[in-house]
Amino acid sequence: MSLVAGHVEMLALGVVVYAMNLFEAHLFWRHGFLAPLIFRLAFYLVWHVVGGVIGF
C-alpha cells in the first residue's frame, strides 16, 4: 500500500484538524465555552471567506 496523490494532503489536513480540536478543548477547559467558539468562528472566517476571495 502506497500513498498516492491526495492521500498526503488528506493526512496533513486530518492532523491539522485534530490539533485544532485539541487546542479548542484546551481553550474550553481554561476559558469556558466562548473561547473555542470564537476561535472556530475566526478560523471559518479566514478559511471560507478570505480563502475563497484569494483562491484557497
N, C-alpha and C. Protein backbone atom coordinates (compact mmCIF):
# COMPACT_ATOMS: atom_id res chain seq x y z
N MET A 1 0.84 -1.18 0.00
CA MET A 1 0.00 0.00 0.00
C MET A 1 0.89 1.24 0.00
N SER A 2 0.64 2.12 -0.92
CA SER A 2 1.46 3.33 -1.01
C SER A 2 0.57 4.57 -0.89
N LEU A 3 1.21 5.65 -0.57
CA LEU A 3 0.50 6.93 -0.52
C LEU A 3 0.48 7.51 -1.92
N VAL A 4 -0.68 7.64 -2.49
CA VAL A 4 -0.81 8.23 -3.82
C VAL A 4 -1.21 9.69 -3.70
N ALA A 5 -1.25 10.37 -4.82
CA ALA A 5 -1.57 11.79 -4.82
C ALA A 5 -2.89 12.05 -4.11
N GLY A 6 -2.90 12.98 -3.22
CA GLY A 6 -4.10 13.32 -2.48
C GLY A 6 -4.14 12.75 -1.08
N HIS A 7 -3.54 11.59 -0.89
CA HIS A 7 -3.57 10.98 0.44
C HIS A 7 -2.70 11.73 1.43
N VAL A 8 -1.59 12.24 0.97
CA VAL A 8 -0.71 13.00 1.87
C VAL A 8 -1.40 14.28 2.32
N GLU A 9 -2.09 14.95 1.38
CA GLU A 9 -2.81 16.17 1.72
C GLU A 9 -3.95 15.88 2.69
N MET A 10 -4.66 14.77 2.47
CA MET A 10 -5.76 14.41 3.38
C MET A 10 -5.22 14.09 4.77
N LEU A 11 -4.10 13.40 4.85
CA LEU A 11 -3.49 13.10 6.13
C LEU A 11 -3.04 14.37 6.84
N ALA A 12 -2.43 15.30 6.10
CA ALA A 12 -1.98 16.57 6.69
C ALA A 12 -3.17 17.37 7.20
N LEU A 13 -4.25 17.42 6.43
CA LEU A 13 -5.44 18.14 6.87
C LEU A 13 -6.04 17.49 8.11
N GLY A 14 -6.06 16.17 8.16
CA GLY A 14 -6.56 15.47 9.33
C GLY A 14 -5.75 15.78 10.58
N VAL A 15 -4.44 15.85 10.43
CA VAL A 15 -3.57 16.18 11.57
C VAL A 15 -3.83 17.61 12.04
N VAL A 16 -4.00 18.54 11.10
CA VAL A 16 -4.27 19.93 11.46
C VAL A 16 -5.62 20.04 12.18
N VAL A 17 -6.64 19.37 11.67
CA VAL A 17 -7.97 19.42 12.29
C VAL A 17 -7.93 18.82 13.69
N TYR A 18 -7.22 17.70 13.85
CA TYR A 18 -7.09 17.07 15.16
C TYR A 18 -6.38 18.01 16.15
N ALA A 19 -5.31 18.66 15.69
CA ALA A 19 -4.58 19.60 16.55
C ALA A 19 -5.46 20.79 16.93
N MET A 20 -6.26 21.27 15.98
CA MET A 20 -7.17 22.37 16.30
C MET A 20 -8.19 21.94 17.34
N ASN A 21 -8.71 20.74 17.23
CA ASN A 21 -9.68 20.26 18.21
C ASN A 21 -9.05 20.12 19.60
N LEU A 22 -7.81 19.66 19.66
CA LEU A 22 -7.13 19.60 20.95
C LEU A 22 -6.94 20.99 21.54
N PHE A 23 -6.58 21.95 20.69
CA PHE A 23 -6.41 23.33 21.15
C PHE A 23 -7.73 23.90 21.63
N GLU A 24 -8.81 23.61 20.91
CA GLU A 24 -10.12 24.09 21.34
C GLU A 24 -10.56 23.46 22.65
N ALA A 25 -10.22 22.20 22.86
CA ALA A 25 -10.52 21.57 24.14
C ALA A 25 -9.77 22.27 25.27
N HIS A 26 -8.52 22.63 25.00
CA HIS A 26 -7.74 23.37 25.98
C HIS A 26 -8.37 24.73 26.26
N LEU A 27 -8.79 25.43 25.20
CA LEU A 27 -9.45 26.73 25.39
C LEU A 27 -10.72 26.58 26.21
N PHE A 28 -11.50 25.56 25.93
CA PHE A 28 -12.73 25.31 26.68
C PHE A 28 -12.43 25.06 28.15
N TRP A 29 -11.42 24.25 28.40
CA TRP A 29 -11.06 23.90 29.77
C TRP A 29 -10.56 25.12 30.54
N ARG A 30 -9.73 25.98 29.89
CA ARG A 30 -9.15 27.11 30.58
C ARG A 30 -10.04 28.35 30.63
N HIS A 31 -10.83 28.58 29.56
CA HIS A 31 -11.52 29.87 29.43
C HIS A 31 -13.03 29.77 29.26
N GLY A 32 -13.57 28.57 29.20
CA GLY A 32 -15.01 28.43 29.10
C GLY A 32 -15.50 28.26 27.67
N PHE A 33 -16.83 28.33 27.54
CA PHE A 33 -17.50 27.99 26.29
C PHE A 33 -17.20 28.94 25.14
N LEU A 34 -17.12 30.24 25.41
CA LEU A 34 -16.99 31.21 24.32
C LEU A 34 -15.63 31.19 23.64
N ALA A 35 -14.58 30.84 24.33
CA ALA A 35 -13.23 30.88 23.74
C ALA A 35 -13.10 29.95 22.52
N PRO A 36 -13.45 28.67 22.62
CA PRO A 36 -13.33 27.83 21.41
C PRO A 36 -14.32 28.22 20.33
N LEU A 37 -15.48 28.74 20.72
CA LEU A 37 -16.46 29.17 19.73
C LEU A 37 -15.92 30.36 18.92
N ILE A 38 -15.34 31.32 19.60
CA ILE A 38 -14.76 32.48 18.91
C ILE A 38 -13.58 32.05 18.04
N PHE A 39 -12.76 31.14 18.55
CA PHE A 39 -11.63 30.63 17.77
C PHE A 39 -12.12 29.96 16.50
N ARG A 40 -13.14 29.11 16.61
CA ARG A 40 -13.66 28.38 15.44
C ARG A 40 -14.29 29.34 14.44
N LEU A 41 -15.04 30.33 14.91
CA LEU A 41 -15.64 31.30 14.01
C LEU A 41 -14.57 32.13 13.29
N ALA A 42 -13.51 32.49 14.00
CA ALA A 42 -12.41 33.23 13.37
C ALA A 42 -11.72 32.36 12.32
N PHE A 43 -11.54 31.08 12.62
CA PHE A 43 -10.94 30.16 11.65
C PHE A 43 -11.82 30.04 10.41
N TYR A 44 -13.14 29.90 10.61
CA TYR A 44 -14.06 29.81 9.47
C TYR A 44 -14.01 31.09 8.64
N LEU A 45 -13.90 32.23 9.29
CA LEU A 45 -13.81 33.49 8.56
C LEU A 45 -12.59 33.47 7.64
N VAL A 46 -11.46 33.08 8.17
CA VAL A 46 -10.23 33.05 7.37
C VAL A 46 -10.34 31.97 6.28
N TRP A 47 -10.74 30.76 6.64
CA TRP A 47 -10.74 29.64 5.70
C TRP A 47 -11.75 29.83 4.57
N HIS A 48 -12.99 30.19 4.91
CA HIS A 48 -14.05 30.23 3.91
C HIS A 48 -14.19 31.58 3.23
N VAL A 49 -14.05 32.66 3.95
CA VAL A 49 -14.26 33.97 3.38
C VAL A 49 -12.98 34.49 2.73
N VAL A 50 -11.94 34.66 3.51
CA VAL A 50 -10.69 35.18 2.98
C VAL A 50 -10.08 34.18 1.99
N GLY A 51 -10.09 32.91 2.35
CA GLY A 51 -9.55 31.89 1.44
C GLY A 51 -10.32 31.80 0.13
N GLY A 52 -11.63 32.01 0.18
CA GLY A 52 -12.42 32.00 -1.04
C GLY A 52 -12.11 33.18 -1.94
N VAL A 53 -11.83 34.32 -1.32
CA VAL A 53 -11.51 35.52 -2.10
C VAL A 53 -10.16 35.37 -2.79
N ILE A 54 -9.18 34.83 -2.06
CA ILE A 54 -7.82 34.73 -2.65
C ILE A 54 -7.59 33.40 -3.37
N GLY A 55 -8.55 32.49 -3.32
CA GLY A 55 -8.47 31.28 -4.12
C GLY A 55 -7.92 30.04 -3.44
N PHE A 56 -8.17 29.87 -2.15
CA PHE A 56 -7.78 28.62 -1.48
C PHE A 56 -8.55 27.48 -2.05
